[in-house]
Amino acid sequence: MGVSHAATGAAAWFLAAATVPSTFGAVTGVDGPGLAVGALVAAGAALLPDVDHRHGTIARSLPPLSSIAARVTEQLSGGHRQGTHSLVGLALSVFLASLVAHVRRDVGGYGELNVGAGAAAVLLSAFAIRALELVKGRVLMWLTSLALAAVVVFFGADNWVWFPAAVAVGYAAHLVGDLVTTGGIPILWPFVLKPPAWWRKVPLLSDVWKSNGAISVPFLGDAGSTREKILTSLVTAWMVWVAVYQWGGVNLLAWAA
């Protein structure tokens, strides 16, 4: 679900921060470049919960940094689709992002720059790049991630709030994405309650509250299903419409009509 997670993470940021019709504009103080930079951060943050798998794609995105992070996270969270796929994981990530966002430095001629956000964006950018398979090779991955982090430093919004907000919406988009697949997530981890025996025997109920304690609303079916691909296509098309409307002032739907 890497591509789907990245797309829905970016879309969630557009929904939260853009100011055109059909968006909330809830994250204020974000200009055009900041909206684009936030989408990059949100797309990377939407892959962040899967850093709990030492042999996963994300662990191999920016070695050795990502592989070390994956090993540590896997141990602390109890394995794949455990602690990082919960409200606790979301809260911890937003807290850490808030701390990082406060690391800002006044650089002569450029003003106050988001150096903390840029440092964190190295890893987040690598996650998105790896999921979307934009570049190949370790060296090129590092160079591209560092370049994108520089974009975050120079073009992020002037306020510090945008960075934890982008991490929050991206991370939450991942949790929702996994919640609507058959695997589900332990949303209240570490309090994982398993259903009684009679519940497990009822087909529809056992699909929602699973025997391992995970919660699922599986309208997308299995990960990688046709329904997931259709949803990703619709989300991507919606982002294109928002981007063109936001930055160019062109309402493609009205134009087409």
Protein backbone atom coordinates (compact mmCIF):
# COMPACT_ATOMS: atom_id res chain seq x y z
CA MET A 1 0.00 0.00 0.00
CA GLY A 2 3.03 2.30 -0.23
CA VAL A 3 1.77 4.34 -3.17
CA SER A 4 -1.72 4.53 -1.68
CA HIS A 5 -0.39 5.68 1.68
CA ALA A 6 1.79 8.38 0.13
CA ALA A 7 -1.06 9.64 -2.08
CA THR A 8 -3.63 9.73 0.71
CA GLY A 9 -1.15 11.40 3.05
CA ALA A 10 -0.54 14.22 0.58
CA ALA A 11 -4.27 14.44 -0.14
CA ALA A 12 -5.04 14.72 3.57
CA TRP A 13 -2.64 17.66 3.76
CA PHE A 14 -4.33 19.37 0.82
CA LEU A 15 -7.67 18.80 2.53
CA ALA A 16 -6.38 20.32 5.79
CA ALA A 17 -4.32 23.24 4.50
CA ALA A 18 -5.59 24.30 1.06
CA THR A 19 -8.09 27.13 0.83
CA VAL A 20 -10.06 26.31 -2.31
CA PRO A 21 -13.63 24.94 -2.20
CA SER A 22 -13.92 21.37 -0.84
CA THR A 23 -10.95 21.90 1.52
CA PHE A 24 -10.92 22.95 5.18
CA GLY A 25 -8.08 25.47 5.37
CA ALA A 26 -7.70 24.37 9.01
CA VAL A 27 -3.90 24.76 9.01
CA THR A 28 -3.45 28.49 8.58
CA GLY A 29 -0.46 30.52 7.48
CA VAL A 30 0.50 28.12 4.68
CA ASP A 31 1.27 29.79 1.36
CA GLY A 32 1.60 28.11 -2.04
CA PRO A 33 5.16 26.81 -1.63
CA GLY A 34 4.37 25.81 1.96
CA LEU A 35 1.40 23.79 0.76
CA ALA A 36 3.62 21.86 -1.65
CA VAL A 37 6.32 21.31 0.98
CA GLY A 38 3.70 20.16 3.49
CA ALA A 39 2.38 17.65 0.96
CA LEU A 40 5.89 16.20 0.69
CA VAL A 41 6.18 15.90 4.47
CA ALA A 42 2.68 14.41 4.80
CA ALA A 43 3.39 11.86 2.06
CA GLY A 44 6.51 10.77 3.92
CA ALA A 45 4.73 10.75 7.29
CA ALA A 46 2.04 8.55 5.74
CA LEU A 47 4.73 5.86 5.41
CA LEU A 48 6.08 6.41 8.93
CA PRO A 49 3.95 3.75 10.73
CA ASP A 50 5.56 1.05 8.57
CA VAL A 51 9.00 1.80 9.98
CA ASP A 52 8.19 -0.98 12.49
CA HIS A 53 9.26 -3.69 10.01
CA ARG A 54 13.03 -4.24 9.82
CA HIS A 55 12.78 -6.11 6.51
CA GLY A 56 10.20 -3.80 4.96
CA THR A 57 10.57 -1.41 2.06
CA ILE A 58 10.80 1.61 4.34
CA ALA A 59 13.68 0.09 6.32
CA ARG A 60 15.64 -0.11 3.07
CA SER A 61 14.84 3.42 1.94
CA LEU A 62 17.82 5.29 3.39
CA PRO A 63 20.36 2.86 4.85
CA PRO A 64 21.86 2.71 7.37
CA LEU A 65 19.69 5.39 9.02
CA SER A 66 16.35 3.85 8.06
CA SER A 67 17.39 0.28 8.88
CA ILE A 68 18.55 1.31 12.36
CA ALA A 69 15.33 3.24 12.93
CA ALA A 70 13.30 0.22 11.82
CA ARG A 71 15.09 -2.19 14.15
CA VAL A 72 14.69 0.10 17.14
CA THR A 73 11.05 0.86 16.36
CA GLU A 74 10.21 -2.80 15.83
CA GLN A 75 11.55 -3.67 19.26
CA LEU A 76 9.85 -0.80 21.05
CA SER A 77 6.47 -1.17 19.33
CA GLY A 78 6.13 -4.95 19.63
CA GLY A 79 6.47 -5.79 15.93
CA HIS A 80 4.75 -4.93 12.69
CA ARG A 81 1.26 -3.39 12.87
CA GLN A 82 1.44 -2.98 16.61
CA GLY A 83 2.43 0.18 18.48
CA THR A 84 3.12 2.36 15.47
CA HIS A 85 -0.32 1.54 14.08
CA SER A 86 -2.19 3.03 17.02
CA LEU A 87 -3.28 6.32 18.52
CA VAL A 88 -0.26 6.12 20.81
CA GLY A 89 2.05 5.96 17.79
CA LEU A 90 0.25 8.93 16.23
CA ALA A 91 0.49 11.00 19.42
CA LEU A 92 4.17 10.20 19.91
CA SER A 93 5.03 11.09 16.32
CA VAL A 94 3.23 14.44 16.53
CA PHE A 95 4.95 15.19 19.85
CA LEU A 96 8.39 14.47 18.39
CA ALA A 97 7.54 16.47 15.27
CA SER A 98 6.56 19.41 17.48
CA LEU A 99 9.92 19.27 19.26
CA VAL A 100 11.77 19.10 15.96
CA ALA A 101 9.74 21.97 14.49
CA HIS A 102 10.98 24.30 17.21
CA VAL A 103 14.58 23.87 16.05
CA ARG A 104 14.91 26.95 13.89
CA ARG A 105 17.95 29.04 13.11
CA ASP A 106 18.31 32.62 11.98
CA VAL A 107 20.56 32.62 8.92
CA GLY A 108 21.73 36.00 7.69
CA GLY A 109 20.11 36.95 4.41
CA TYR A 110 17.54 34.12 4.59
CA GLY A 111 15.76 34.78 7.85
CA GLU A 112 14.68 32.07 10.29
CA LEU A 113 14.90 28.64 8.68
CA ASN A 114 13.22 25.33 9.54
CA VAL A 115 16.42 23.37 10.12
CA GLY A 116 14.81 20.86 12.49
CA ALA A 117 12.01 20.12 10.06
CA GLY A 118 14.57 19.81 7.28
CA ALA A 119 16.58 17.23 9.21
CA ALA A 120 13.49 15.13 9.86
CA ALA A 121 12.43 15.56 6.24
CA VAL A 122 15.52 13.69 5.05
CA LEU A 123 14.00 10.47 6.36
CA LEU A 124 10.42 11.33 5.45
CA SER A 125 11.42 12.23 1.90
CA ALA A 126 13.23 8.92 1.54
CA PHE A 127 10.11 7.06 2.64
CA ALA A 128 8.00 8.76 -0.02
CA ILE A 129 10.65 8.34 -2.71
CA ARG A 130 11.04 4.66 -1.94
CA ALA A 131 7.30 4.01 -1.90
CA LEU A 132 6.82 5.78 -5.23
CA GLU A 133 10.01 4.24 -6.70
CA LEU A 134 11.15 7.62 -8.00
CA VAL A 135 14.90 6.93 -7.88
CA LYS A 136 17.19 3.90 -7.71
CA GLY A 137 20.41 3.39 -5.81
CA ARG A 138 21.61 4.37 -2.34
CA VAL A 139 23.66 7.42 -3.38
CA LEU A 140 20.92 8.92 -5.53
CA MET A 141 18.39 8.26 -2.76
CA TRP A 142 20.52 10.20 -0.27
CA LEU A 143 21.12 13.07 -2.69
CA THR A 144 17.44 13.38 -3.59
CA SER A 145 16.34 13.21 0.05
CA LEU A 146 18.83 15.89 1.05
CA ALA A 147 17.69 18.10 -1.82
CA LEU A 148 14.05 17.74 -0.80
CA ALA A 149 14.98 18.44 2.83
CA ALA A 150 16.61 21.68 1.67
CA VAL A 151 13.31 22.59 0.01
CA VAL A 152 11.57 22.00 3.35
CA VAL A 153 14.09 24.24 5.12
CA PHE A 154 13.73 27.14 2.69
CA PHE A 155 10.08 26.93 1.66
CA GLY A 156 8.24 25.64 4.73
CA ALA A 157 5.65 27.97 6.24
CA ASP A 158 6.91 30.73 8.54
CA ASN A 159 5.11 29.28 11.56
CA TRP A 160 6.36 26.11 13.26
CA VAL A 161 2.89 24.53 13.50
CA TRP A 162 2.77 23.39 9.86
CA PHE A 163 5.37 20.63 10.32
CA PRO A 164 3.70 18.65 13.16
CA ALA A 165 0.37 19.28 11.42
CA ALA A 166 1.67 17.72 8.20
CA VAL A 167 3.08 14.77 10.15
CA ALA A 168 -0.24 14.35 11.96
CA VAL A 169 -2.44 14.30 8.86
CA GLY A 170 -0.06 12.01 6.97
CA TYR A 171 0.28 9.58 9.85
CA ALA A 172 -3.47 9.58 10.49
CA ALA A 173 -4.12 8.92 6.80
CA HIS A 174 -1.99 5.77 7.07
CA LEU A 175 -3.93 4.55 10.09
CA VAL A 176 -7.24 5.10 8.32
CA GLY A 177 -5.89 3.36 5.22
CA ASP A 178 -4.92 0.26 7.19
CA LEU A 179 -8.13 0.38 9.21
CA VAL A 180 -10.25 -0.07 6.08
CA THR A 181 -8.36 -3.19 4.93
CA THR A 182 -8.95 -6.73 6.12
CA GLY A 183 -5.84 -6.68 8.33
CA GLY A 184 -7.02 -3.83 10.54
CA ILE A 185 -4.98 -2.16 13.27
CA PRO A 186 -4.69 -2.32 17.09
CA ILE A 187 -5.95 1.25 17.38
CA LEU A 188 -5.90 1.32 21.22
CA TRP A 189 -2.50 -0.36 21.65
CA PRO A 190 -1.08 -1.23 24.20
CA PHE A 191 -4.60 -2.09 25.37
CA VAL A 192 -5.37 -4.84 22.87
CA LEU A 193 -8.58 -6.62 23.79
CA LYS A 194 -9.47 -9.85 22.03
CA PRO A 195 -13.09 -10.75 21.29
CA PRO A 196 -14.89 -13.57 23.11
CA ALA A 197 -15.15 -16.97 21.45
CA TRP A 198 -18.76 -16.51 20.36
CA TRP A 199 -17.90 -13.26 18.56
CA ARG A 200 -15.24 -14.99 16.46
CA LYS A 201 -17.84 -17.40 15.09
CA VAL A 202 -20.03 -14.67 13.58
CA PRO A 203 -18.72 -13.84 10.06
CA LEU A 204 -19.37 -10.09 9.85
CA LEU A 205 -18.54 -9.36 13.48
CA SER A 206 -15.28 -11.30 13.36
CA ASP A 207 -14.21 -9.23 10.36
CA VAL A 208 -14.56 -6.00 12.35
CA TRP A 209 -13.15 -7.06 15.74
CA LYS A 210 -10.58 -9.63 14.80
CA SER A 211 -9.31 -12.56 16.84
CA ASN A 212 -5.95 -10.84 17.43
CA GLY A 213 -7.68 -7.74 18.82
CA ALA A 214 -7.25 -5.57 15.72
CA ILE A 215 -10.13 -3.38 14.54
CA SER A 216 -11.07 -3.33 10.87
CA VAL A 217 -13.72 -1.76 8.65
CA PRO A 218 -12.64 -3.66 5.53
CA PHE A 219 -14.48 -1.93 2.71
CA LEU A 220 -11.24 -1.83 0.66
CA GLY A 221 -10.67 -5.56 1.13
CA ASP A 222 -7.10 -6.86 1.07
CA ALA A 223 -4.15 -4.52 0.62
CA GLY A 224 -3.45 -4.05 -3.07
CA SER A 225 -7.04 -4.74 -4.10
CA THR A 226 -8.69 -3.23 -7.15
CA ARG A 227 -10.79 -1.06 -4.85
CA GLU A 228 -7.62 0.36 -3.32
CA LYS A 229 -6.22 1.18 -6.76
CA ILE A 230 -9.45 2.90 -7.79
CA LEU A 231 -9.43 4.95 -4.58
CA THR A 232 -5.81 5.96 -5.16
CA SER A 233 -6.65 7.09 -8.69
CA LEU A 234 -9.59 9.17 -7.47
CA VAL A 235 -7.51 10.73 -4.68
CA THR A 236 -4.74 11.61 -7.13
CA ALA A 237 -7.21 13.20 -9.56
CA TRP A 238 -8.70 15.23 -6.71
CA MET A 239 -5.23 16.46 -5.71
CA VAL A 240 -4.55 17.60 -9.26
CA TRP A 241 -7.80 19.57 -9.26
CA VAL A 242 -6.98 21.18 -5.90
CA ALA A 243 -3.41 22.01 -6.94
CA VAL A 244 -4.47 23.63 -10.22
CA TYR A 245 -7.26 25.56 -8.50
CA GLN A 246 -5.05 26.58 -5.57
CA TRP A 247 -2.00 27.69 -7.52
CA GLY A 248 -3.44 28.63 -10.89
CA GLY A 249 -6.93 29.75 -9.97
CA VAL A 250 -8.38 27.41 -12.59
CA ASN A 251 -11.41 25.33 -11.65
CA LEU A 252 -11.00 22.35 -13.96
CA LEU A 253 -14.48 21.05 -13.17
CA ALA A 254 -16.13 24.32 -14.17
CA TRP A 255 -13.91 24.57 -17.23
CA ALA A 256 -14.84 21.04 -18.33
CA ALA A 257 -18.53 21.79 -17.86
